[in-house]
Amino acid sequence: MSTMFSAPATAQDTTGHTWAGRMAAAFSQLWVDCMTRRLESAWINQLWSMSDRDLRDMGLSRSEITPAVKGDSTRNRAVRRGS
């Protein structure tokens, strides 16, 4: 009489990705998101510390700082300025 064991070597879902791999990817994305927010915050603070004249030289107003840093302003600025 023989006994057979059929336990999988790794815990995989139906797509073939391991649980540990999915967790590593999730933590990696969380780290990237956290660092992105910190860098955006640093750039926003730096721009807010500049004078209105310096901002104007760069083509920005204070109301455009946050969208410019986050990448949301290019299309809106072109439409508003008639470009």
C-alpha atoms as a PDB file:
ATOM      1  CA  MET A   1       0.000   0.000   0.000  1.00  0.00           C
ATOM      2  CA  SER A   2       1.400   3.415  -0.910  1.00  0.00           C
ATOM      3  CA  THR A   3       0.415   6.897   0.209  1.00  0.00           C
ATOM      4  CA  MET A   4       0.479   9.866  -2.161  1.00  0.00           C
ATOM      5  CA  PHE A   5       0.569  13.473  -1.082  1.00  0.00           C
ATOM      6  CA  SER A   6      -0.533  16.177  -3.461  1.00  0.00           C
ATOM      7  CA  ALA A   7       0.278  19.408  -1.652  1.00  0.00           C
ATOM      8  CA  PRO A   8       1.332  22.307  -3.891  1.00  0.00           C
ATOM      9  CA  ALA A   9       4.901  23.516  -3.526  1.00  0.00           C
ATOM     10  CA  THR A  10       3.756  27.157  -3.286  1.00  0.00           C
ATOM     11  CA  ALA A  11       0.408  28.762  -2.639  1.00  0.00           C
ATOM     12  CA  GLN A  12      -0.699  30.080  -6.027  1.00  0.00           C
ATOM     13  CA  ASP A  13      -3.915  31.628  -7.250  1.00  0.00           C
ATOM     14  CA  THR A  14      -5.509  30.824 -10.607  1.00  0.00           C
ATOM     15  CA  THR A  15      -3.266  33.322 -12.438  1.00  0.00           C
ATOM     16  CA  GLY A  16      -0.093  31.604 -11.221  1.00  0.00           C
ATOM     17  CA  HIS A  17       1.049  34.431  -8.941  1.00  0.00           C
ATOM     18  CA  THR A  18       2.135  33.545  -5.442  1.00  0.00           C
ATOM     19  CA  TRP A  19       0.605  35.239  -2.439  1.00  0.00           C
ATOM     20  CA  ALA A  20       4.033  36.480  -1.368  1.00  0.00           C
ATOM     21  CA  GLY A  21       4.651  37.941  -4.824  1.00  0.00           C
ATOM     22  CA  ARG A  22       1.360  39.813  -4.764  1.00  0.00           C
ATOM     23  CA  MET A  23       2.133  41.165  -1.291  1.00  0.00           C
ATOM     24  CA  ALA A  24       5.613  42.273  -2.384  1.00  0.00           C
ATOM     25  CA  ALA A  25       4.130  44.056  -5.393  1.00  0.00           C
ATOM     26  CA  ALA A  26       1.524  45.761  -3.204  1.00  0.00           C
ATOM     27  CA  PHE A  27       4.155  46.969  -0.713  1.00  0.00           C
ATOM     28  CA  SER A  28       6.373  48.107  -3.555  1.00  0.00           C
ATOM     29  CA  GLN A  29       3.529  50.167  -5.031  1.00  0.00           C
ATOM     30  CA  LEU A  30       2.718  51.567  -1.594  1.00  0.00           C
ATOM     31  CA  TRP A  31       6.361  52.650  -1.199  1.00  0.00           C
ATOM     32  CA  VAL A  32       6.374  54.317  -4.634  1.00  0.00           C
ATOM     33  CA  ASP A  33       3.106  56.145  -3.862  1.00  0.00           C
ATOM     34  CA  CYS A  34       4.442  57.327  -0.494  1.00  0.00           C
ATOM     35  CA  MET A  35       7.698  58.623  -1.981  1.00  0.00           C
ATOM     36  CA  THR A  36       5.802  60.332  -4.820  1.00  0.00           C
ATOM     37  CA  ARG A  37       3.585  62.189  -2.330  1.00  0.00           C
ATOM     38  CA  ARG A  38       6.616  63.256  -0.281  1.00  0.00           C
ATOM     39  CA  LEU A  39       8.434  64.578  -3.357  1.00  0.00           C
ATOM     40  CA  GLU A  40       5.329  66.398  -4.589  1.00  0.00           C
ATOM     41  CA  SER A  41       4.917  67.971  -1.164  1.00  0.00           C
ATOM     42  CA  ALA A  42       8.541  69.123  -1.153  1.00  0.00           C
ATOM     43  CA  TRP A  43       8.198  70.686  -4.615  1.00  0.00           C
ATOM     44  CA  ILE A  44       4.936  72.396  -3.673  1.00  0.00           C
ATOM     45  CA  ASN A  45       6.510  73.847  -0.524  1.00  0.00           C
ATOM     46  CA  GLN A  46       9.526  75.044  -2.487  1.00  0.00           C
ATOM     47  CA  LEU A  47       7.361  76.746  -5.112  1.00  0.00           C
ATOM     48  CA  TRP A  48       5.159  78.375  -2.465  1.00  0.00           C
ATOM     49  CA  SER A  49       8.281  79.869  -0.874  1.00  0.00           C
ATOM     50  CA  MET A  50       9.171  81.643  -4.139  1.00  0.00           C
ATOM     51  CA  SER A  51       8.153  85.206  -4.947  1.00  0.00           C
ATOM     52  CA  ASP A  52       5.265  85.980  -7.285  1.00  0.00           C
ATOM     53  CA  ARG A  53       7.752  87.401  -9.768  1.00  0.00           C
ATOM     54  CA  ASP A  54       9.811  84.199  -9.829  1.00  0.00           C
ATOM     55  CA  LEU A  55       6.665  82.149 -10.316  1.00  0.00           C
ATOM     56  CA  ARG A  56       5.521  84.462 -13.117  1.00  0.00           C
ATOM     57  CA  ASP A  57       8.941  84.028 -14.797  1.00  0.00           C
ATOM     58  CA  MET A  58       8.240  80.283 -14.846  1.00  0.00           C
ATOM     59  CA  GLY A  59       4.742  80.848 -16.213  1.00  0.00           C
ATOM     60  CA  LEU A  60       2.949  79.907 -12.999  1.00  0.00           C
ATOM     61  CA  SER A  61       0.560  81.610 -10.640  1.00  0.00           C
ATOM     62  CA  ARG A  62       0.078  80.493  -7.046  1.00  0.00           C
ATOM     63  CA  SER A  63      -3.208  78.814  -7.945  1.00  0.00           C
ATOM     64  CA  GLU A  64      -1.386  76.661 -10.516  1.00  0.00           C
ATOM     65  CA  ILE A  65       1.354  75.330  -8.229  1.00  0.00           C
ATOM     66  CA  THR A  66      -0.351  72.160  -7.013  1.00  0.00           C
ATOM     67  CA  PRO A  67      -1.801  71.140 -10.401  1.00  0.00           C
ATOM     68  CA  ALA A  68       1.551  71.857 -12.082  1.00  0.00           C
ATOM     69  CA  VAL A  69       3.455  69.648  -9.645  1.00  0.00           C
ATOM     70  CA  LYS A  70       0.892  66.857  -9.892  1.00  0.00           C
ATOM     71  CA  GLY A  71       0.891  67.068 -13.703  1.00  0.00           C
ATOM     72  CA  ASP A  72      -2.703  68.242 -14.100  1.00  0.00           C
ATOM     73  CA  SER A  73      -2.181  71.737 -15.475  1.00  0.00           C
ATOM     74  CA  THR A  74      -0.673  71.442 -18.967  1.00  0.00           C
ATOM     75  CA  ARG A  75      -3.924  70.952 -20.847  1.00  0.00           C
ATOM     76  CA  ASN A  76      -5.887  73.427 -18.695  1.00  0.00           C
ATOM     77  CA  ARG A  77      -3.272  76.180 -19.007  1.00  0.00           C
ATOM     78  CA  ALA A  78      -3.081  75.801 -22.794  1.00  0.00           C
ATOM     79  CA  VAL A  79      -6.862  76.054 -23.127  1.00  0.00           C
ATOM     80  CA  ARG A  80      -7.142  79.020 -20.769  1.00  0.00           C
ATOM     81  CA  ARG A  81      -4.355  80.982 -22.490  1.00  0.00           C
ATOM     82  CA  GLY A  82      -5.779  80.347 -25.938  1.00  0.00           C
ATOM     83  CA  SER A  83      -2.939  78.124 -27.215  1.00  0.00           C
END
